[in-house]
Amino acid sequence: ENALWQEKERAQVTLASIGDAVLTTDVDGNVTYLNP
């Protein structure tokens, strides 16, 4: 869980710092995440 949390933190920091907009959805097309 700690390793997963660290990986998630790195991913969120990366997504928050890149210049592109990133949006994720579940398999039903419902939004699950938007980066800044």
PDB file of all heavy atoms in Angstrom:
ATOM      1  N   GLU A   1       0.830  -1.203   0.000  1.00  0.00           N
ATOM      2  CA  GLU A   1       0.000   0.000   0.000  1.00  0.00           C
ATOM      3  C   GLU A   1       0.864   1.253   0.000  1.00  0.00           C
ATOM      4  O   GLU A   1       0.547   2.231  -0.683  1.00  0.00           O
ATOM      5  CB  GLU A   1      -0.930  -0.002   1.219  1.00  0.00           C
ATOM      6  CG  GLU A   1      -2.052  -1.012   1.128  1.00  0.00           C
ATOM      7  CD  GLU A   1      -2.885  -1.056   2.393  1.00  0.00           C
ATOM      8  OE1 GLU A   1      -2.454  -0.435   3.403  1.00  0.00           O
ATOM      9  OE2 GLU A   1      -3.949  -1.699   2.389  1.00  0.00           O
ATOM     10  N   ASN A   2       1.963   1.224   0.768  1.00  0.00           N
ATOM     11  CA  ASN A   2       2.869   2.377   0.790  1.00  0.00           C
ATOM     12  C   ASN A   2       3.498   2.597  -0.581  1.00  0.00           C
ATOM     13  O   ASN A   2       3.613   3.736  -1.053  1.00  0.00           O
ATOM     14  CB  ASN A   2       3.959   2.175   1.841  1.00  0.00           C
ATOM     15  CG  ASN A   2       3.419   2.316   3.261  1.00  0.00           C
ATOM     16  OD1 ASN A   2       2.374   2.913   3.470  1.00  0.00           O
ATOM     17  ND2 ASN A   2       4.128   1.758   4.223  1.00  0.00           N
ATOM     18  N   ALA A   3       3.911   1.480  -1.206  1.00  0.00           N
ATOM     19  CA  ALA A   3       4.510   1.585  -2.540  1.00  0.00           C
ATOM     20  C   ALA A   3       3.487   2.119  -3.534  1.00  0.00           C
ATOM     21  O   ALA A   3       3.804   2.958  -4.381  1.00  0.00           O
ATOM     22  CB  ALA A   3       5.036   0.213  -2.979  1.00  0.00           C
ATOM     23  N   LEU A   4       2.237   1.613  -3.421  1.00  0.00           N
ATOM     24  CA  LEU A   4       1.181   2.078  -4.315  1.00  0.00           C
ATOM     25  C   LEU A   4       0.882   3.550  -4.072  1.00  0.00           C
ATOM     26  O   LEU A   4       0.667   4.316  -5.021  1.00  0.00           O
ATOM     27  CB  LEU A   4      -0.079   1.230  -4.098  1.00  0.00           C
ATOM     28  CG  LEU A   4      -1.262   1.533  -5.010  1.00  0.00           C
ATOM     29  CD1 LEU A   4      -0.893   1.269  -6.459  1.00  0.00           C
ATOM     30  CD2 LEU A   4      -2.470   0.697  -4.615  1.00  0.00           C
ATOM     31  N   TRP A   5       0.859   3.957  -2.796  1.00  0.00           N
ATOM     32  CA  TRP A   5       0.600   5.349  -2.472  1.00  0.00           C
ATOM     33  C   TRP A   5       1.688   6.247  -3.043  1.00  0.00           C
ATOM     34  O   TRP A   5       1.401   7.311  -3.614  1.00  0.00           O
ATOM     35  CB  TRP A   5       0.525   5.513  -0.957  1.00  0.00           C
ATOM     36  CG  TRP A   5       0.234   6.914  -0.519  1.00  0.00           C
ATOM     37  CD1 TRP A   5      -0.984   7.521  -0.423  1.00  0.00           C
ATOM     38  CD2 TRP A   5       1.204   7.900  -0.137  1.00  0.00           C
ATOM     39  NE1 TRP A   5      -0.843   8.819   0.002  1.00  0.00           N
ATOM     40  CE2 TRP A   5       0.480   9.089   0.179  1.00  0.00           C
ATOM     41  CE3 TRP A   5       2.588   7.900  -0.035  1.00  0.00           C
ATOM     42  CZ2 TRP A   5       1.120  10.248   0.596  1.00  0.00           C
ATOM     43  CZ3 TRP A   5       3.220   9.061   0.382  1.00  0.00           C
ATOM     44  CH2 TRP A   5       2.488  10.221   0.687  1.00  0.00           C
ATOM     45  N   GLN A   6       2.950   5.832  -2.897  1.00  0.00           N
ATOM     46  CA  GLN A   6       4.048   6.620  -3.436  1.00  0.00           C
ATOM     47  C   GLN A   6       3.958   6.713  -4.955  1.00  0.00           C
ATOM     48  O   GLN A   6       4.198   7.776  -5.545  1.00  0.00           O
ATOM     49  CB  GLN A   6       5.383   6.000  -3.017  1.00  0.00           C
ATOM     50  CG  GLN A   6       5.661   6.112  -1.519  1.00  0.00           C
ATOM     51  CD  GLN A   6       6.942   5.412  -1.119  1.00  0.00           C
ATOM     52  OE1 GLN A   6       7.637   4.832  -1.963  1.00  0.00           O
ATOM     53  NE2 GLN A   6       7.255   5.432   0.163  1.00  0.00           N
ATOM     54  N   GLU A   7       3.596   5.572  -5.577  1.00  0.00           N
ATOM     55  CA  GLU A   7       3.451   5.582  -7.032  1.00  0.00           C
ATOM     56  C   GLU A   7       2.317   6.513  -7.447  1.00  0.00           C
ATOM     57  O   GLU A   7       2.429   7.257  -8.426  1.00  0.00           O
ATOM     58  CB  GLU A   7       3.171   4.162  -7.521  1.00  0.00           C
ATOM     59  CG  GLU A   7       3.067   4.041  -9.033  1.00  0.00           C
ATOM     60  CD  GLU A   7       2.828   2.613  -9.477  1.00  0.00           C
ATOM     61  OE1 GLU A   7       3.002   1.694  -8.648  1.00  0.00           O
ATOM     62  OE2 GLU A   7       2.457   2.428 -10.641  1.00  0.00           O
ATOM     63  N   LYS A   8       1.222   6.483  -6.692  1.00  0.00           N
ATOM     64  CA  LYS A   8       0.093   7.357  -6.987  1.00  0.00           C
ATOM     65  C   LYS A   8       0.487   8.818  -6.801  1.00  0.00           C
ATOM     66  O   LYS A   8       0.102   9.680  -7.611  1.00  0.00           O
ATOM     67  CB  LYS A   8      -1.085   7.000  -6.078  1.00  0.00           C
ATOM     68  CG  LYS A   8      -2.320   7.845  -6.321  1.00  0.00           C
ATOM     69  CD  LYS A   8      -3.438   7.440  -5.387  1.00  0.00           C
ATOM     70  CE  LYS A   8      -4.676   8.305  -5.601  1.00  0.00           C
ATOM     71  NZ  LYS A   8      -5.779   7.934  -4.685  1.00  0.00           N
ATOM     72  N   GLU A   9       1.251   9.098  -5.731  1.00  0.00           N
ATOM     73  CA  GLU A   9       1.693  10.463  -5.497  1.00  0.00           C
ATOM     74  C   GLU A   9       2.563  10.959  -6.645  1.00  0.00           C
ATOM     75  O   GLU A   9       2.406  12.090  -7.126  1.00  0.00           O
ATOM     76  CB  GLU A   9       2.474  10.536  -4.179  1.00  0.00           C
ATOM     77  CG  GLU A   9       1.609  10.506  -2.934  1.00  0.00           C
ATOM     78  CD  GLU A   9       0.782  11.769  -2.807  1.00  0.00           C
ATOM     79  OE1 GLU A   9       1.362  12.857  -2.727  1.00  0.00           O
ATOM     80  OE2 GLU A   9      -0.459  11.658  -2.822  1.00  0.00           O
ATOM     81  N   ARG A  10       3.488  10.091  -7.078  1.00  0.00           N
ATOM     82  CA  ARG A  10       4.353  10.482  -8.205  1.00  0.00           C
ATOM     83  C   ARG A  10       3.522  10.742  -9.456  1.00  0.00           C
ATOM     84  O   ARG A  10       3.770  11.706 -10.197  1.00  0.00           O
ATOM     85  CB  ARG A  10       5.388   9.387  -8.471  1.00  0.00           C
ATOM     86  CG  ARG A  10       6.511   9.327  -7.448  1.00  0.00           C
ATOM     87  CD  ARG A  10       7.661   8.484  -7.960  1.00  0.00           C
ATOM     88  NE  ARG A  10       7.276   7.098  -8.114  1.00  0.00           N
ATOM     89  CZ  ARG A  10       7.399   6.165  -7.183  1.00  0.00           C
ATOM     90  NH1 ARG A  10       7.904   6.496  -5.999  1.00  0.00           N
ATOM     91  NH2 ARG A  10       7.038   4.919  -7.406  1.00  0.00           N
ATOM     92  N   ALA A  11       2.531   9.862  -9.684  1.00  0.00           N
ATOM     93  CA  ALA A  11       1.686  10.024 -10.869  1.00  0.00           C
ATOM     94  C   ALA A  11       0.892  11.329 -10.798  1.00  0.00           C
ATOM     95  O   ALA A  11       0.782  12.060 -11.792  1.00  0.00           O
ATOM     96  CB  ALA A  11       0.739   8.834 -11.003  1.00  0.00           C
ATOM     97  N   GLN A  12       0.347  11.635  -9.600  1.00  0.00           N
ATOM     98  CA  GLN A  12      -0.433  12.858  -9.466  1.00  0.00           C
ATOM     99  C   GLN A  12       0.431  14.101  -9.602  1.00  0.00           C
ATOM    100  O   GLN A  12       0.011  15.092 -10.211  1.00  0.00           O
ATOM    101  CB  GLN A  12      -1.160  12.858  -8.110  1.00  0.00           C
ATOM    102  CG  GLN A  12      -2.303  11.859  -8.032  1.00  0.00           C
ATOM    103  CD  GLN A  12      -3.044  11.932  -6.722  1.00  0.00           C
ATOM    104  OE1 GLN A  12      -2.480  12.350  -5.709  1.00  0.00           O
ATOM    105  NE2 GLN A  12      -4.291  11.524  -6.718  1.00  0.00           N
ATOM    106  N   VAL A  13       1.661  14.045  -9.046  1.00  0.00           N
ATOM    107  CA  VAL A  13       2.579  15.179  -9.200  1.00  0.00           C
ATOM    108  C   VAL A  13       2.932  15.375 -10.666  1.00  0.00           C
ATOM    109  O   VAL A  13       2.975  16.505 -11.179  1.00  0.00           O
ATOM    110  CB  VAL A  13       3.853  14.953  -8.354  1.00  0.00           C
ATOM    111  CG1 VAL A  13       4.913  15.997  -8.703  1.00  0.00           C
ATOM    112  CG2 VAL A  13       3.527  15.018  -6.877  1.00  0.00           C
ATOM    113  N   THR A  14       3.154  14.245 -11.349  1.00  0.00           N
ATOM    114  CA  THR A  14       3.483  14.311 -12.781  1.00  0.00           C
ATOM    115  C   THR A  14       2.323  14.897 -13.568  1.00  0.00           C
ATOM    116  O   THR A  14       2.501  15.796 -14.407  1.00  0.00           O
ATOM    117  CB  THR A  14       3.826  12.914 -13.317  1.00  0.00           C
ATOM    118  OG1 THR A  14       4.931  12.389 -12.585  1.00  0.00           O
ATOM    119  CG2 THR A  14       4.178  12.975 -14.785  1.00  0.00           C
ATOM    120  N   LEU A  15       1.113  14.382 -13.312  1.00  0.00           N
ATOM    121  CA  LEU A  15      -0.058  14.862 -14.046  1.00  0.00           C
ATOM    122  C   LEU A  15      -0.337  16.328 -13.749  1.00  0.00           C
ATOM    123  O   LEU A  15      -0.821  17.066 -14.609  1.00  0.00           O
ATOM    124  CB  LEU A  15      -1.276  14.011 -13.688  1.00  0.00           C
ATOM    125  CG  LEU A  15      -1.262  12.565 -14.189  1.00  0.00           C
ATOM    126  CD1 LEU A  15      -2.462  11.809 -13.645  1.00  0.00           C
ATOM    127  CD2 LEU A  15      -1.264  12.527 -15.716  1.00  0.00           C
ATOM    128  N   ALA A  16      -0.049  16.736 -12.504  1.00  0.00           N
ATOM    129  CA  ALA A  16      -0.311  18.120 -12.126  1.00  0.00           C
ATOM    130  C   ALA A  16       0.702  19.079 -12.737  1.00  0.00           C
ATOM    131  O   ALA A  16       0.414  20.270 -12.896  1.00  0.00           O
ATOM    132  CB  ALA A  16      -0.309  18.258 -10.604  1.00  0.00           C
ATOM    133  N   SER A  17       1.883  18.579 -13.077  1.00  0.00           N
ATOM    134  CA  SER A  17       2.944  19.462 -13.543  1.00  0.00           C
ATOM    135  C   SER A  17       3.085  19.497 -15.060  1.00  0.00           C
ATOM    136  O   SER A  17       3.727  20.402 -15.590  1.00  0.00           O
ATOM    137  CB  SER A  17       4.284  19.034 -12.921  1.00  0.00           C
ATOM    138  OG  SER A  17       4.608  17.708 -13.294  1.00  0.00           O
ATOM    139  N   ILE A  18       2.499  18.533 -15.767  1.00  0.00           N
ATOM    140  CA  ILE A  18       2.643  18.540 -17.227  1.00  0.00           C
ATOM    141  C   ILE A  18       1.743  19.608 -17.828  1.00  0.00           C
ATOM    142  O   ILE A  18       0.779  20.064 -17.210  1.00  0.00           O
ATOM    143  CB  ILE A  18       2.322  17.162 -17.839  1.00  0.00           C
ATOM    144  CG1 ILE A  18       0.853  16.798 -17.583  1.00  0.00           C
ATOM    145  CG2 ILE A  18       3.238  16.099 -17.303  1.00  0.00           C
ATOM    146  CD1 ILE A  18       0.442  15.490 -18.243  1.00  0.00           C
ATOM    147  N   GLY A  19       2.049  20.012 -19.060  1.00  0.00           N
ATOM    148  CA  GLY A  19       1.300  21.075 -19.716  1.00  0.00           C
ATOM    149  C   GLY A  19       0.008  20.620 -20.338  1.00  0.00           C
ATOM    150  O   GLY A  19      -0.853  21.452 -20.663  1.00  0.00           O
ATOM    151  N   ASP A  20      -0.176  19.312 -20.557  1.00  0.00           N
ATOM    152  CA  ASP A  20      -1.390  18.815 -21.182  1.00  0.00           C
ATOM    153  C   ASP A  20      -2.498  18.617 -20.158  1.00  0.00           C
ATOM    154  O   ASP A  20      -2.234  18.368 -18.977  1.00  0.00           O
ATOM    155  CB  ASP A  20      -1.136  17.481 -21.883  1.00  0.00           C
ATOM    156  CG  ASP A  20      -0.298  17.649 -23.138  1.00  0.00           C
ATOM    157  OD1 ASP A  20      -0.228  18.774 -23.643  1.00  0.00           O
ATOM    158  OD2 ASP A  20       0.298  16.642 -23.595  1.00  0.00           O
ATOM    159  N   ALA A  21      -3.724  18.734 -20.631  1.00  0.00           N
ATOM    160  CA  ALA A  21      -4.877  18.423 -19.795  1.00  0.00           C
ATOM    161  C   ALA A  21      -5.108  16.921 -19.826  1.00  0.00           C
ATOM    162  O   ALA A  21      -5.017  16.285 -20.883  1.00  0.00           O
ATOM    163  CB  ALA A  21      -6.111  19.159 -20.303  1.00  0.00           C
ATOM    164  N   VAL A  22      -5.390  16.342 -18.666  1.00  0.00           N
ATOM    165  CA  VAL A  22      -5.616  14.897 -18.561  1.00  0.00           C
ATOM    166  C   VAL A  22      -6.943  14.660 -17.859  1.00  0.00           C
ATOM    167  O   VAL A  22      -7.220  15.235 -16.797  1.00  0.00           O
ATOM    168  CB  VAL A  22      -4.484  14.199 -17.786  1.00  0.00           C
ATOM    169  CG1 VAL A  22      -4.769  12.696 -17.681  1.00  0.00           C
ATOM    170  CG2 VAL A  22      -3.147  14.442 -18.469  1.00  0.00           C
ATOM    171  N   LEU A  23      -7.759  13.820 -18.470  1.00  0.00           N
ATOM    172  CA  LEU A  23      -9.059  13.455 -17.908  1.00  0.00           C
ATOM    173  C   LEU A  23      -9.187  11.927 -17.989  1.00  0.00           C
ATOM    174  O   LEU A  23      -8.868  11.336 -19.022  1.00  0.00           O
ATOM    175  CB  LEU A  23     -10.173  14.138 -18.705  1.00  0.00           C
ATOM    176  CG  LEU A  23     -11.635  13.906 -18.318  1.00  0.00           C
ATOM    177  CD1 LEU A  23     -12.483  15.117 -18.755  1.00  0.00           C
ATOM    178  CD2 LEU A  23     -12.208  12.648 -18.936  1.00  0.00           C
ATOM    179  N   THR A  24      -9.640  11.298 -16.889  1.00  0.00           N
ATOM    180  CA  THR A  24      -9.838   9.849 -16.909  1.00  0.00           C
ATOM    181  C   THR A  24     -11.289   9.523 -16.603  1.00  0.00           C
ATOM    182  O   THR A  24     -11.989  10.271 -15.916  1.00  0.00           O
ATOM    183  CB  THR A  24      -8.929   9.127 -15.892  1.00  0.00           C
ATOM    184  OG1 THR A  24      -9.263   9.555 -14.563  1.00  0.00           O
ATOM    185  CG2 THR A  24      -7.470   9.398 -16.166  1.00  0.00           C
ATOM    186  N   THR A  25     -11.739   8.381 -17.134  1.00  0.00           N
ATOM    187  CA  THR A  25     -13.099   7.912 -16.890  1.00  0.00           C
ATOM    188  C   THR A  25     -13.065   6.437 -16.521  1.00  0.00           C
ATOM    189  O   THR A  25     -12.061   5.754 -16.735  1.00  0.00           O
ATOM    190  CB  THR A  25     -13.991   8.063 -18.135  1.00  0.00           C
ATOM    191  OG1 THR A  25     -13.630   7.057 -19.109  1.00  0.00           O
ATOM    192  CG2 THR A  25     -13.856   9.441 -18.742  1.00  0.00           C
ATOM    193  N   ASP A  26     -14.192   5.961 -15.969  1.00  0.00           N
ATOM    194  CA  ASP A  26     -14.326   4.526 -15.763  1.00  0.00           C
ATOM    195  C   ASP A  26     -14.858   3.898 -17.042  1.00  0.00           C
ATOM    196  O   ASP A  26     -15.033   4.580 -18.061  1.00  0.00           O
ATOM    197  CB  ASP A  26     -15.230   4.222 -14.560  1.00  0.00           C
ATOM    198  CG  ASP A  26     -16.637   4.783 -14.708  1.00  0.00           C
ATOM    199  OD1 ASP A  26     -17.043   5.075 -15.850  1.00  0.00           O
ATOM    200  OD2 ASP A  26     -17.328   4.934 -13.686  1.00  0.00           O
ATOM    201  N   VAL A  27     -15.142   2.606 -16.995  1.00  0.00           N
ATOM    202  CA  VAL A  27     -15.565   1.894 -18.197  1.00  0.00           C
ATOM    203  C   VAL A  27     -16.951   2.329 -18.652  1.00  0.00           C
ATOM    204  O   VAL A  27     -17.340   2.092 -19.806  1.00  0.00           O
ATOM    205  CB  VAL A  27     -15.516   0.369 -17.945  1.00  0.00           C
ATOM    206  CG1 VAL A  27     -16.648  -0.063 -17.038  1.00  0.00           C
ATOM    207  CG2 VAL A  27     -15.522  -0.412 -19.251  1.00  0.00           C
ATOM    208  N   ASP A  28     -17.717   2.995 -17.787  1.00  0.00           N
ATOM    209  CA  ASP A  28     -19.052   3.478 -18.147  1.00  0.00           C
ATOM    210  C   ASP A  28     -19.042   4.919 -18.624  1.00  0.00           C
ATOM    211  O   ASP A  28     -20.106   5.518 -18.828  1.00  0.00           O
ATOM    212  CB  ASP A  28     -19.994   3.351 -16.950  1.00  0.00           C
ATOM    213  CG  ASP A  28     -20.214   1.901 -16.542  1.00  0.00           C
ATOM    214  OD1 ASP A  28     -20.348   1.054 -17.445  1.00  0.00           O
ATOM    215  OD2 ASP A  28     -20.238   1.622 -15.331  1.00  0.00           O
ATOM    216  N   GLY A  29     -17.857   5.498 -18.768  1.00  0.00           N
ATOM    217  CA  GLY A  29     -17.768   6.856 -19.265  1.00  0.00           C
ATOM    218  C   GLY A  29     -18.008   7.927 -18.229  1.00  0.00           C
ATOM    219  O   GLY A  29     -18.287   9.084 -18.568  1.00  0.00           O
ATOM    220  N   ASN A  30     -17.897   7.579 -16.950  1.00  0.00           N
ATOM    221  CA  ASN A  30     -18.039   8.558 -15.872  1.00  0.00           C
ATOM    222  C   ASN A  30     -16.670   9.107 -15.488  1.00  0.00           C
ATOM    223  O   ASN A  30     -15.711   8.342 -15.342  1.00  0.00           O
ATOM    224  CB  ASN A  30     -18.699   7.915 -14.653  1.00  0.00           C
ATOM    225  CG  ASN A  30     -20.078   7.370 -14.969  1.00  0.00           C
ATOM    226  OD1 ASN A  30     -20.886   8.042 -15.614  1.00  0.00           O
ATOM    227  ND2 ASN A  30     -20.346   6.152 -14.542  1.00  0.00           N
ATOM    228  N   VAL A  31     -16.582  10.399 -15.326  1.00  0.00           N
ATOM    229  CA  VAL A  31     -15.308  11.052 -15.029  1.00  0.00           C
ATOM    230  C   VAL A  31     -14.788  10.624 -13.661  1.00  0.00           C
ATOM    231  O   VAL A  31     -15.546  10.584 -12.680  1.00  0.00           O
ATOM    232  CB  VAL A  31     -15.450  12.579 -15.083  1.00  0.00           C
ATOM    233  CG1 VAL A  31     -14.153  13.265 -14.665  1.00  0.00           C
ATOM    234  CG2 VAL A  31     -15.860  13.021 -16.484  1.00  0.00           C
ATOM    235  N   THR A  32     -13.502  10.281 -13.600  1.00  0.00           N
ATOM    236  CA  THR A  32     -12.882   9.889 -12.330  1.00  0.00           C
ATOM    237  C   THR A  32     -11.756  10.832 -11.909  1.00  0.00           C
ATOM    238  O   THR A  32     -11.392  10.851 -10.738  1.00  0.00           O
ATOM    239  CB  THR A  32     -12.324   8.460 -12.423  1.00  0.00           C
ATOM    240  OG1 THR A  32     -11.365   8.391 -13.515  1.00  0.00           O
ATOM    241  CG2 THR A  32     -13.438   7.446 -12.667  1.00  0.00           C
ATOM    242  N   TYR A  33     -11.206  11.606 -12.857  1.00  0.00           N
ATOM    243  CA  TYR A  33     -10.081  12.486 -12.478  1.00  0.00           C
ATOM    244  C   TYR A  33      -9.888  13.571 -13.520  1.00  0.00           C
ATOM    245  O   TYR A  33     -10.042  13.352 -14.735  1.00  0.00           O
ATOM    246  CB  TYR A  33      -8.800  11.665 -12.340  1.00  0.00           C
ATOM    247  CG  TYR A  33      -7.561  12.507 -12.105  1.00  0.00           C
ATOM    248  CD1 TYR A  33      -7.306  13.087 -10.863  1.00  0.00           C
ATOM    249  CD2 TYR A  33      -6.651  12.744 -13.139  1.00  0.00           C
ATOM    250  CE1 TYR A  33      -6.193  13.879 -10.649  1.00  0.00           C
ATOM    251  CE2 TYR A  33      -5.524  13.534 -12.933  1.00  0.00           C
ATOM    252  CZ  TYR A  33      -5.300  14.094 -11.688  1.00  0.00           C
ATOM    253  OH  TYR A  33      -4.195  14.871 -11.481  1.00  0.00           O
ATOM    254  N   LEU A  34      -9.548  14.775 -13.023  1.00  0.00           N
ATOM    255  CA  LEU A  34      -9.116  15.892 -13.874  1.00  0.00           C
ATOM    256  C   LEU A  34      -7.840  16.465 -13.279  1.00  0.00           C
ATOM    257  O   LEU A  34      -7.784  16.714 -12.071  1.00  0.00           O
ATOM    258  CB  LEU A  34     -10.174  17.002 -13.910  1.00  0.00           C
ATOM    259  CG  LEU A  34     -11.520  16.744 -14.603  1.00  0.00           C
ATOM    260  CD1 LEU A  34     -12.415  17.950 -14.407  1.00  0.00           C
ATOM    261  CD2 LEU A  34     -11.329  16.470 -16.072  1.00  0.00           C
ATOM    262  N   ASN A  35      -6.822  16.662 -14.107  1.00  0.00           N
ATOM    263  CA  ASN A  35      -5.639  17.330 -13.576  1.00  0.00           C
ATOM    264  C   ASN A  35      -5.853  18.845 -13.638  1.00  0.00           C
ATOM    265  O   ASN A  35      -6.842  19.319 -14.214  1.00  0.00           O
ATOM    266  CB  ASN A  35      -4.375  16.870 -14.315  1.00  0.00           C
ATOM    267  CG  ASN A  35      -4.224  17.491 -15.689  1.00  0.00           C
ATOM    268  OD1 ASN A  35      -5.194  17.971 -16.265  1.00  0.00           O
ATOM    269  ND2 ASN A  35      -3.018  17.467 -16.219  1.00  0.00           N
ATOM    270  N   PRO A  36      -4.990  19.645 -13.023  1.00  0.00           N
ATOM    271  CA  PRO A  36      -5.219  21.098 -12.965  1.00  0.00           C
ATOM    272  C   PRO A  36      -5.409  21.760 -14.328  1.00  0.00           C
ATOM    273  O   PRO A  36      -6.225  22.680 -14.447  1.00  0.00           O
ATOM    274  CB  PRO A  36      -3.951  21.611 -12.270  1.00  0.00           C
ATOM    275  CG  PRO A  36      -3.529  20.474 -11.399  1.00  0.00           C
ATOM    276  CD  PRO A  36      -3.824  19.235 -12.199  1.00  0.00           C
TER     277      PRO A  36
END
